[in-house]
C-alpha atoms as a PDB file:
ATOM      1  CA  MET A   1      71.415 -31.285-112.167  1.00  0.00           C
ATOM      2  CA  VAL A   2      74.050 -31.758-109.907  1.00  0.00           C
ATOM      3  CA  ALA A   3      76.897 -31.562-112.832  1.00  0.00           C
ATOM      4  CA  CYS A   4      74.953 -28.099-113.615  1.00  0.00           C
ATOM      5  CA  ASN A   5      74.907 -27.151-110.307  1.00  0.00           C
ATOM      6  CA  PRO A   6      77.889 -28.398-107.960  1.00  0.00           C
ATOM      7  CA  THR A   7      76.388 -26.568-104.852  1.00  0.00           C
ATOM      8  CA  ALA A   8      73.427 -28.726-105.264  1.00  0.00           C
ATOM      9  CA  LYS A   9      75.702 -31.345-103.045  1.00  0.00           C
ATOM     10  CA  LEU A  10      76.038 -29.336 -99.925  1.00  0.00           C
ATOM     11  CA  PRO A  11      72.950 -29.852 -98.276  1.00  0.00           C
ATOM     12  CA  SER A  12      73.385 -33.810 -98.850  1.00  0.00           C
ATOM     13  CA  ILE A  13      77.284 -33.152 -97.326  1.00  0.00           C
ATOM     14  CA  GLN A  14      76.293 -31.001 -94.876  1.00  0.00           C
ATOM     15  CA  ILE A  15      74.072 -33.740 -93.123  1.00  0.00           C
ATOM     16  CA  GLN A  16      76.536 -36.371 -93.633  1.00  0.00           C
ATOM     17  CA  ALA A  17      79.512 -34.076 -91.603  1.00  0.00           C
ATOM     18  CA  ASP A  18      76.392 -33.202 -89.227  1.00  0.00           C
ATOM     19  CA  ALA A  19      76.080 -37.260 -88.355  1.00  0.00           C
ATOM     20  CA  ALA A  20      79.835 -37.746 -88.093  1.00  0.00           C
ATOM     21  CA  PHE A  21      79.947 -35.532 -85.446  1.00  0.00           C
ATOM     22  CA  GLU A  22      76.802 -36.103 -83.273  1.00  0.00           C
ATOM     23  CA  GLN A  23      78.801 -39.758 -83.324  1.00  0.00           C
ATOM     24  CA  ALA A  24      81.797 -37.849 -82.054  1.00  0.00           C
ATOM     25  CA  ASP A  25      83.542 -39.362 -85.503  1.00  0.00           C
ATOM     26  CA  TYR A  26      86.063 -36.163 -85.681  1.00  0.00           C
ATOM     27  CA  SER A  27      87.105 -37.239 -88.420  1.00  0.00           C
ATOM     28  CA  LYS A  28      85.350 -37.822 -90.656  1.00  0.00           C
ATOM     29  CA  ALA A  29      82.998 -34.765 -89.988  1.00  0.00           C
ATOM     30  CA  HIS A  30      86.595 -32.931 -90.652  1.00  0.00           C
ATOM     31  CA  VAL A  31      87.010 -34.377 -94.089  1.00  0.00           C
ATOM     32  CA  LEU A  32      83.010 -33.711 -94.671  1.00  0.00           C
ATOM     33  CA  TYR A  33      83.143 -30.078 -93.170  1.00  0.00           C
ATOM     34  CA  SER A  34      86.379 -29.205 -95.290  1.00  0.00           C
ATOM     35  CA  GLU A  35      84.656 -30.820 -98.503  1.00  0.00           C
ATOM     36  CA  TYR A  36      81.490 -28.204 -98.080  1.00  0.00           C
ATOM     37  CA  ILE A  37      83.954 -24.935 -97.093  1.00  0.00           C
ATOM     38  CA  SER A  38      85.794 -25.629-100.352  1.00  0.00           C
ATOM     39  CA  LEU A  39      82.993 -26.039-102.764  1.00  0.00           C
ATOM     40  CA  ALA A  40      81.548 -23.166-100.795  1.00  0.00           C
ATOM     41  CA  LYS A  41      84.030 -20.899-101.540  1.00  0.00           C
ATOM     42  CA  THR A  42      84.707 -21.792-104.961  1.00  0.00           C
ATOM     43  CA  ASN A  43      80.811 -21.343-105.719  1.00  0.00           C
ATOM     44  CA  ASN A  44      80.570 -17.792-103.618  1.00  0.00           C
ATOM     45  CA  VAL A  45      78.481 -19.587-101.041  1.00  0.00           C
ATOM     46  CA  GLU A  46      78.494 -18.257 -97.803  1.00  0.00           C
ATOM     47  CA  VAL A  47      79.521 -20.766 -95.012  1.00  0.00           C
ATOM     48  CA  SER A  48      77.246 -20.544 -91.687  1.00  0.00           C
ATOM     49  CA  LYS A  49      78.867 -19.608 -88.318  1.00  0.00           C
ATOM     50  CA  ASP A  50      77.826 -22.502 -86.836  1.00  0.00           C
ATOM     51  CA  LEU A  51      79.097 -24.760 -89.603  1.00  0.00           C
ATOM     52  CA  LEU A  52      82.478 -23.077 -89.125  1.00  0.00           C
ATOM     53  CA  ILE A  53      81.617 -23.151 -85.369  1.00  0.00           C
ATOM     54  CA  LYS A  54      81.973 -27.487 -85.989  1.00  0.00           C
ATOM     55  CA  GLN A  55      84.806 -27.650 -88.129  1.00  0.00           C
ATOM     56  CA  ALA A  56      86.695 -25.698 -85.889  1.00  0.00           C
ATOM     57  CA  GLN A  57      85.640 -28.032 -82.760  1.00  0.00           C
ATOM     58  CA  ALA A  58      86.509 -30.982 -84.788  1.00  0.00           C
ATOM     59  CA  CYS A  59      90.263 -29.937 -85.647  1.00  0.00           C
ATOM     60  CA  GLY A  60      90.341 -29.208 -81.981  1.00  0.00           C
ATOM     61  CA  GLN A  61      89.520 -32.908 -81.028  1.00  0.00           C
ATOM     62  CA  LEU A  62      92.065 -33.889 -84.025  1.00  0.00           C
ATOM     63  CA  ASP A  63      94.799 -31.940 -82.532  1.00  0.00           C
ATOM     64  CA  LEU A  64      94.619 -29.548 -85.761  1.00  0.00           C
ATOM     65  CA  ILE A  65      95.561 -26.609 -83.587  1.00  0.00           C
ATOM     66  CA  ASP A  66      96.559 -24.252 -86.285  1.00  0.00           C
ATOM     67  CA  GLU A  67      93.728 -24.614 -88.488  1.00  0.00           C
ATOM     68  CA  ALA A  68      91.160 -24.140 -85.365  1.00  0.00           C
ATOM     69  CA  ALA A  69      93.093 -21.404 -84.658  1.00  0.00           C
ATOM     70  CA  GLU A  70      92.664 -19.811 -88.242  1.00  0.00           C
ATOM     71  CA  ILE A  71      88.416 -20.316 -88.380  1.00  0.00           C
ATOM     72  CA  TYR A  72      88.253 -18.864 -84.832  1.00  0.00           C
ATOM     73  CA  ASN A  73      90.257 -15.973 -85.312  1.00  0.00           C
ATOM     74  CA  MET A  74      88.154 -15.373 -88.416  1.00  0.00           C
ATOM     75  CA  LEU A  75      84.983 -15.868 -86.253  1.00  0.00           C
ATOM     76  CA  LEU A  76      86.730 -13.552 -83.904  1.00  0.00           C
ATOM     77  CA  LYS A  77      86.440 -10.842 -86.424  1.00  0.00           C
ATOM     78  CA  ASP A  78      82.933 -10.150 -86.080  1.00  0.00           C
ATOM     79  CA  GLU A  79      82.754  -8.484 -82.225  1.00  0.00           C
ATOM     80  CA  ALA A  80      79.243 -10.321 -82.606  1.00  0.00           C
ATOM     81  CA  ASN A  81      81.379 -13.540 -82.351  1.00  0.00           C
ATOM     82  CA  ILE A  82      83.369 -12.659 -78.956  1.00  0.00           C
ATOM     83  CA  LYS A  83      81.983 -15.290 -76.840  1.00  0.00           C
ATOM     84  CA  LEU A  84      83.438 -17.830 -79.228  1.00  0.00           C
ATOM     85  CA  ILE A  85      86.776 -16.807 -77.128  1.00  0.00           C
ATOM     86  CA  ALA A  86      86.410 -19.072 -74.445  1.00  0.00           C
ATOM     87  CA  GLU A  87      86.130 -22.374 -76.394  1.00  0.00           C
ATOM     88  CA  TYR A  88      89.275 -21.024 -78.309  1.00  0.00           C
ATOM     89  CA  ALA A  89      91.256 -20.252 -75.137  1.00  0.00           C
ATOM     90  CA  GLN A  90      89.751 -23.689 -73.966  1.00  0.00           C
ATOM     91  CA  MET A  91      91.378 -25.821 -76.892  1.00  0.00           C
ATOM     92  CA  LEU A  92      94.701 -23.850 -76.968  1.00  0.00           C
ATOM     93  CA  GLN A  93      94.748 -24.230 -72.609  1.00  0.00           C
ATOM     94  CA  SER A  94      94.213 -27.769 -73.228  1.00  0.00           C
ATOM     95  CA  ASN A  95      97.297 -28.387 -75.611  1.00  0.00           C
ATOM     96  CA  GLU A  96      99.091 -25.807 -73.330  1.00  0.00           C
ATOM     97  CA  LYS A  97      99.885 -23.426 -75.969  1.00  0.00           C
ATOM     98  CA  VAL A  98     100.473 -20.172 -73.091  1.00  0.00           C
ATOM     99  CA  ASP A  99     102.118 -17.628 -75.475  1.00  0.00           C
ATOM    100  CA  GLU A 100      99.406 -18.255 -78.238  1.00  0.00           C
ATOM    101  CA  GLU A 101      96.548 -17.812 -75.272  1.00  0.00           C
ATOM    102  CA  LEU A 102      98.284 -14.574 -73.863  1.00  0.00           C
ATOM    103  CA  VAL A 103      98.209 -13.198 -77.199  1.00  0.00           C
ATOM    104  CA  LEU A 104      94.418 -14.035 -77.602  1.00  0.00           C
ATOM    105  CA  TRP A 105      93.171 -12.732 -74.358  1.00  0.00           C
ATOM    106  CA  ASN A 106      95.459  -9.640 -74.673  1.00  0.00           C
ATOM    107  CA  THR A 107      94.566  -8.944 -78.136  1.00  0.00           C
ATOM    108  CA  LYS A 108      90.311  -9.050 -77.198  1.00  0.00           C
ATOM    109  CA  LYS A 109      90.257  -8.285 -74.003  1.00  0.00           C
ATOM    110  CA  GLU A 110      88.790  -4.434 -74.614  1.00  0.00           C
ATOM    111  CA  GLN A 111      86.290  -5.871 -76.451  1.00  0.00           C
ATOM    112  CA  ILE A 112      84.379  -7.755 -73.735  1.00  0.00           C
ATOM    113  CA  LYS A 113      81.939  -5.996 -72.452  1.00  0.00           C
ATOM    114  CA  GLU A 114      79.790  -9.231 -70.136  1.00  0.00           C
ATOM    115  CA  ILE A 115      80.440  -9.783 -66.496  1.00  0.00           C
ATOM    116  CA  GLU A 116      81.884 -13.372 -66.539  1.00  0.00           C
ATOM    117  CA  LEU A 117      83.720 -13.248 -69.590  1.00  0.00           C
ATOM    118  CA  THR A 118      85.628 -10.402 -68.146  1.00  0.00           C
ATOM    119  CA  LYS A 119      85.724 -12.398 -64.996  1.00  0.00           C
ATOM    120  CA  LEU A 120      87.812 -15.245 -67.458  1.00  0.00           C
ATOM    121  CA  ALA A 121      89.760 -12.980 -69.219  1.00  0.00           C
ATOM    122  CA  THR A 122      91.058 -11.818 -66.326  1.00  0.00           C
ATOM    123  CA  GLU A 123      91.844 -15.377 -64.283  1.00  0.00           C
ATOM    124  CA  ARG A 124      93.088 -16.594 -67.447  1.00  0.00           C
ATOM    125  CA  LEU A 125      95.536 -13.795 -67.926  1.00  0.00           C
ATOM    126  CA  ILE A 126      96.420 -13.543 -64.412  1.00  0.00           C
ATOM    127  CA  PHE A 127      96.987 -17.845 -64.283  1.00  0.00           C
ATOM    128  CA  LEU A 128      99.431 -17.069 -68.139  1.00  0.00           C
ATOM    129  CA  ASN A 129     101.546 -14.504 -66.408  1.00  0.00           C
ATOM    130  CA  GLN A 130     102.159 -16.410 -63.306  1.00  0.00           C
ATOM    131  CA  SER A 131     103.029 -19.466 -65.649  1.00  0.00           C
ATOM    132  CA  LYS A 132     105.887 -16.957 -67.177  1.00  0.00           C
ATOM    133  CA  GLU A 133     106.430 -14.887 -63.448  1.00  0.00           C
ATOM    134  CA  ASN A 134     105.409 -11.882 -65.147  1.00  0.00           C
ATOM    135  CA  TYR A 135     104.699 -10.424 -61.496  1.00  0.00           C
ATOM    136  CA  ASN A 136     104.198  -6.939 -62.537  1.00  0.00           C
ATOM    137  CA  ALA A 137     101.530  -7.708 -65.182  1.00  0.00           C
ATOM    138  CA  ILE A 138      99.853  -9.700 -62.538  1.00  0.00           C
ATOM    139  CA  LEU A 139      99.851  -6.940 -59.990  1.00  0.00           C
ATOM    140  CA  LEU A 140      98.641  -4.189 -63.051  1.00  0.00           C
ATOM    141  CA  LEU A 141      96.033  -6.808 -64.205  1.00  0.00           C
ATOM    142  CA  PHE A 142      94.559  -6.910 -60.195  1.00  0.00           C
ATOM    143  CA  GLU A 143      94.653  -3.594 -59.642  1.00  0.00           C
ATOM    144  CA  SER A 144      92.750  -2.808 -62.957  1.00  0.00           C
ATOM    145  CA  LYS A 145      89.994  -5.484 -62.523  1.00  0.00           C
ATOM    146  CA  GLY A 146      87.733  -3.050 -61.180  1.00  0.00           C
ATOM    147  CA  ASP A 147      83.940  -4.329 -59.916  1.00  0.00           C
ATOM    148  CA  VAL A 148      85.200  -8.094 -60.973  1.00  0.00           C
ATOM    149  CA  LYS A 149      85.060 -10.742 -58.287  1.00  0.00           C
ATOM    150  CA  LEU A 150      88.048 -13.119 -58.942  1.00  0.00           C
ATOM    151  CA  SER A 151      88.378 -16.569 -57.373  1.00  0.00           C
ATOM    152  CA  LYS A 152      90.375 -17.210 -54.106  1.00  0.00           C
ATOM    153  CA  GLU A 153      92.853 -18.923 -56.020  1.00  0.00           C
ATOM    154  CA  VAL A 154      93.642 -15.828 -58.621  1.00  0.00           C
ATOM    155  CA  SER A 155      93.827 -13.484 -54.802  1.00  0.00           C
ATOM    156  CA  MET A 156      96.515 -16.143 -54.283  1.00  0.00           C
ATOM    157  CA  VAL A 157      98.813 -15.223 -57.084  1.00  0.00           C
ATOM    158  CA  ASN A 158      98.170 -11.648 -56.495  1.00  0.00           C
ATOM    159  CA  ILE A 159      99.764 -12.500 -52.923  1.00  0.00           C
ATOM    160  CA  LYS A 160     102.422 -14.256 -54.284  1.00  0.00           C
ATOM    161  CA  ALA A 161     103.052 -11.363 -57.008  1.00  0.00           C
ATOM    162  CA  LEU A 162     103.015  -8.911 -54.301  1.00  0.00           C
ATOM    163  CA  GLU A 163     105.722 -10.882 -52.640  1.00  0.00           C
ATOM    164  CA  ALA A 164     107.626 -12.125 -55.194  1.00  0.00           C
ATOM    165  CA  THR A 165     108.102  -7.925 -56.200  1.00  0.00           C
ATOM    166  CA  ASN A 166     109.333  -7.453 -52.407  1.00  0.00           C
ATOM    167  CA  LYS A 167     106.052  -5.923 -51.486  1.00  0.00           C
ATOM    168  CA  SER A 168     105.991  -8.264 -48.542  1.00  0.00           C
ATOM    169  CA  HIS A 169     103.691  -6.302 -46.236  1.00  0.00           C
ATOM    170  CA  PRO A 170     101.023  -5.366 -48.724  1.00  0.00           C
ATOM    171  CA  ALA A 171     101.111  -9.145 -49.479  1.00  0.00           C
ATOM    172  CA  ALA A 172     100.127  -9.576 -45.599  1.00  0.00           C
ATOM    173  CA  ILE A 173      97.253  -7.270 -45.831  1.00  0.00           C
ATOM    174  CA  ALA A 174      96.147  -8.924 -48.593  1.00  0.00           C
ATOM    175  CA  CYS A 175      96.399 -12.583 -47.279  1.00  0.00           C
ATOM    176  CA  ASN A 176      94.556 -11.500 -43.797  1.00  0.00           C
ATOM    177  CA  ASP A 177      91.558  -9.910 -45.902  1.00  0.00           C
ATOM    178  CA  LEU A 178      91.559 -12.847 -48.392  1.00  0.00           C
ATOM    179  CA  LEU A 179      91.334 -15.087 -45.160  1.00  0.00           C
ATOM    180  CA  LYS A 180      88.248 -12.886 -43.792  1.00  0.00           C
ATOM    181  CA  GLU A 181      86.269 -13.744 -46.849  1.00  0.00           C
ATOM    182  CA  TYR A 182      87.615 -17.179 -46.381  1.00  0.00           C
ATOM    183  CA  PRO A 183      89.200 -18.373 -43.530  1.00  0.00           C
ATOM    184  CA  ASP A 184      89.537 -21.657 -44.255  1.00  0.00           C
ATOM    185  CA  TYR A 185      91.625 -21.154 -47.228  1.00  0.00           C
ATOM    186  CA  ALA A 186      94.462 -23.920 -46.487  1.00  0.00           C
ATOM    187  CA  GLU A 187      96.463 -22.178 -49.051  1.00  0.00           C
ATOM    188  CA  ALA A 188      96.467 -18.315 -47.811  1.00  0.00           C
ATOM    189  CA  LEU A 189      96.663 -19.945 -44.013  1.00  0.00           C
ATOM    190  CA  GLU A 190     100.314 -21.557 -45.199  1.00  0.00           C
ATOM    191  CA  TRP A 191     101.543 -18.590 -46.563  1.00  0.00           C
ATOM    192  CA  LYS A 192     100.001 -16.159 -43.314  1.00  0.00           C
ATOM    193  CA  ALA A 193     101.797 -19.044 -41.232  1.00  0.00           C
ATOM    194  CA  SER A 194     105.195 -19.391 -43.100  1.00  0.00           C
ATOM    195  CA  TYR A 195     105.371 -15.343 -43.709  1.00  0.00           C
ATOM    196  CA  TYR A 196     104.980 -14.885 -40.080  1.00  0.00           C
ATOM    197  CA  TYR A 197     107.231 -17.705 -39.532  1.00  0.00           C
ATOM    198  CA  ASN A 198     110.079 -16.346 -41.440  1.00  0.00           C
ATOM    199  CA  LYS A 199     109.735 -12.897 -40.602  1.00  0.00           C
ATOM    200  CA  ALA A 200     110.415 -13.559 -36.802  1.00  0.00           C
ATOM    201  CA  GLU A 201     112.966 -16.229 -37.344  1.00  0.00           C
ATOM    202  CA  LYS A 202     115.076 -13.765 -39.628  1.00  0.00           C
ATOM    203  CA  LYS A 203     114.477 -10.841 -37.053  1.00  0.00           C
ATOM    204  CA  TYR A 204     115.672 -13.460 -34.099  1.00  0.00           C
ATOM    205  CA  GLN A 205     118.559 -14.483 -35.533  1.00  0.00           C
ATOM    206  CA  TYR A 206     119.973 -10.681 -36.244  1.00  0.00           C
ATOM    207  CA  GLU A 207     118.800  -9.970 -32.792  1.00  0.00           C
ATOM    208  CA  MET A 208     120.837 -12.791 -31.263  1.00  0.00           C
ATOM    209  CA  ALA A 209     123.849 -12.379 -33.603  1.00  0.00           C
ATOM    210  CA  LYS A 210     123.669  -8.421 -32.514  1.00  0.00           C
ATOM    211  CA  TYR A 211     123.422  -9.672 -28.457  1.00  0.00           C
ATOM    212  CA  ASN A 212     126.134 -12.150 -29.260  1.00  0.00           C
ATOM    213  CA  LYS A 213     129.087  -9.781 -30.468  1.00  0.00           C
ATOM    214  CA  LYS A 214     128.805  -7.477 -27.530  1.00  0.00           C
ATOM    215  CA  LYS A 215     126.911  -9.276 -24.134  1.00  0.00           C
ATOM    216  CA  ASN A 216     126.476  -7.389 -21.325  1.00  0.00           C
ATOM    217  CA  ALA A 217     123.465  -6.218 -18.952  1.00  0.00           C
ATOM    218  CA  THR A 218     122.791  -3.099 -21.228  1.00  0.00           C
ATOM    219  CA  THR A 219     122.482  -5.397 -24.165  1.00  0.00           C
ATOM    220  CA  TYR A 220     120.862  -8.195 -22.765  1.00  0.00           C
ATOM    221  CA  ALA A 221     117.762  -5.294 -21.370  1.00  0.00           C
ATOM    222  CA  TYR A 222     117.669  -4.934 -25.524  1.00  0.00           C
ATOM    223  CA  LEU A 223     117.741  -8.263 -26.506  1.00  0.00           C
ATOM    224  CA  ARG A 224     114.570  -8.783 -24.296  1.00  0.00           C
ATOM    225  CA  ARG A 225     112.896  -5.789 -25.211  1.00  0.00           C
ATOM    226  CA  ASP A 226     113.526  -6.709 -29.161  1.00  0.00           C
ATOM    227  CA  LEU A 227     112.590 -10.497 -28.654  1.00  0.00           C
ATOM    228  CA  LYS A 228     109.177  -9.741 -27.297  1.00  0.00           C
ATOM    229  CA  LYS A 229     108.360  -7.858 -30.556  1.00  0.00           C
ATOM    230  CA  VAL A 230     109.755 -11.319 -32.551  1.00  0.00           C
ATOM    231  CA  SER A 231     107.693 -13.289 -29.950  1.00  0.00           C
ATOM    232  CA  ALA A 232     104.477 -11.421 -31.502  1.00  0.00           C
ATOM    233  CA  ASP A 233     105.114 -12.670 -35.032  1.00  0.00           C
ATOM    234  CA  PHE A 234     105.650 -16.114 -33.362  1.00  0.00           C
ATOM    235  CA  ARG A 235     102.544 -16.366 -32.077  1.00  0.00           C
ATOM    236  CA  ILE A 236     100.967 -15.644 -35.338  1.00  0.00           C
ATOM    237  CA  SER A 237     102.386 -17.895 -37.036  1.00  0.00           C
ATOM    238  CA  ARG A 238     101.849 -20.339 -34.179  1.00  0.00           C
ATOM    239  CA  ASP A 239      98.018 -20.042 -33.816  1.00  0.00           C
ATOM    240  CA  THR A 240      98.201 -20.253 -37.771  1.00  0.00           C
ATOM    241  CA  PHE A 241      99.361 -23.654 -37.806  1.00  0.00           C
ATOM    242  CA  LEU A 242      96.991 -24.666 -35.361  1.00  0.00           C
ATOM    243  CA  LYS A 243      94.441 -23.916 -37.262  1.00  0.00           C
ATOM    244  CA  LEU A 244      95.818 -25.476 -40.258  1.00  0.00           C
ATOM    245  CA  ARG A 245      96.395 -28.783 -37.927  1.00  0.00           C
ATOM    246  CA  LYS A 246      93.256 -29.000 -37.898  1.00  0.00           C
ATOM    247  CA  GLN A 247      92.425 -29.685 -41.177  1.00  0.00           C
ATOM    248  CA  ASP A 248      95.268 -31.763 -41.406  1.00  0.00           C
ATOM    249  CA  ASP A 249      97.288 -32.814 -38.265  1.00  0.00           C
ATOM    250  CA  ALA A 250      99.660 -35.265 -39.393  1.00  0.00           C
ATOM    251  CA  ASN A 251     101.309 -32.734 -42.148  1.00  0.00           C
ATOM    252  CA  LYS A 252     104.938 -32.894 -40.654  1.00  0.00           C
ATOM    253  CA  SER A 253     105.723 -29.577 -41.996  1.00  0.00           C
ATOM    254  CA  TYR A 254     103.050 -28.078 -39.525  1.00  0.00           C
ATOM    255  CA  ILE A 255     104.950 -30.201 -36.611  1.00  0.00           C
ATOM    256  CA  ARG A 256     108.377 -29.343 -37.513  1.00  0.00           C
ATOM    257  CA  HIS A 257     107.211 -25.316 -37.486  1.00  0.00           C
ATOM    258  CA  LEU A 258     105.128 -25.789 -34.565  1.00  0.00           C
ATOM    259  CA  LYS A 259     108.397 -27.249 -32.632  1.00  0.00           C
ATOM    260  CA  ASN A 260     110.454 -25.105 -33.647  1.00  0.00           C
ATOM    261  CA  ILE A 261     107.910 -22.108 -32.397  1.00  0.00           C
ATOM    262  CA  TYR A 262     107.532 -23.393 -29.366  1.00  0.00           C
ATOM    263  CA  LEU A 263     111.406 -23.486 -28.692  1.00  0.00           C
ATOM    264  CA  ARG A 264     111.606 -19.489 -29.645  1.00  0.00           C
ATOM    265  CA  LEU A 265     108.211 -18.912 -26.933  1.00  0.00           C
ATOM    266  CA  ASP A 266     110.430 -21.176 -24.759  1.00  0.00           C
ATOM    267  CA  GLN A 267     107.054 -23.403 -24.195  1.00  0.00           C
ATOM    268  CA  LYS A 268     109.396 -26.499 -24.046  1.00  0.00           C
ATOM    269  CA  ALA A 269     106.348 -28.650 -22.703  1.00  0.00           C
ATOM    270  CA  GLU A 270     104.730 -27.970 -26.190  1.00  0.00           C
ATOM    271  CA  ALA A 271     107.941 -28.522 -28.118  1.00  0.00           C
ATOM    272  CA  ALA A 272     108.580 -31.513 -27.288  1.00  0.00           C
ATOM    273  CA  LYS A 273     105.097 -32.763 -27.783  1.00  0.00           C
ATOM    274  CA  MET A 274     105.616 -31.941 -31.393  1.00  0.00           C
ATOM    275  CA  ASP A 275     109.117 -33.507 -31.145  1.00  0.00           C
ATOM    276  CA  ALA A 276     107.581 -36.907 -30.033  1.00  0.00           C
ATOM    277  CA  LEU A 277     104.853 -36.867 -33.279  1.00  0.00           C
ATOM    278  CA  LEU A 278     107.789 -36.494 -35.328  1.00  0.00           C
ATOM    279  CA  LYS A 279     109.299 -39.782 -34.250  1.00  0.00           C
END
């Protein structure tokens, strides 16, 4: 009967393949699923979606990325299978296929309607563009996110993209907004502390250089006035580094910054305490 009807072997092959797959014997499962698919196609028998998914997963486990991609791409031609994009993307991510994952999300993003999958698509696109330093793409993605609530890590990527595209003031506003929601988020606190420190230090150096070129009573009065404005930024940085030290009081970078800030604010006793911690 089998000789007369080759497709009669299919149920037995699938049972063996499924058993191997469940036992995590992906090499054996892959061979058996391949045999099943070849025999089914030769005899015009439709291969089930579930079987194809298992074969794609087996390929992924065996690092047969191109073969797995071919199966996933075929399945994703049917929009009803769009949720498989998360599984496919995870395989690409695990194998550091940045360009392939970018193409996948960019070509399929408009087909995604479910909110959690939309969030995943947006976040992955932002992280992938970050890895390629495509800062303008990150800003566009963040601006067009709509009502999707993205993670604090993604918001931080957006802040850094604003900074990288010379939008430091909007970046500072975005960072302050992020800290309103996550007041103890260390990465955002570090960005804020460094931003105000660098801004103040740059202005301090500029004003001192200008004064040193022409020292007199008038320029000294202007210097005192302008340094008051600089001091405000140093104080913001100081308070932020102090908050960071509550999370990590042994961090030498925080201590060094605080020492320099105290010196700029003429708080010599506090600067000496920080200096002692660095010895």
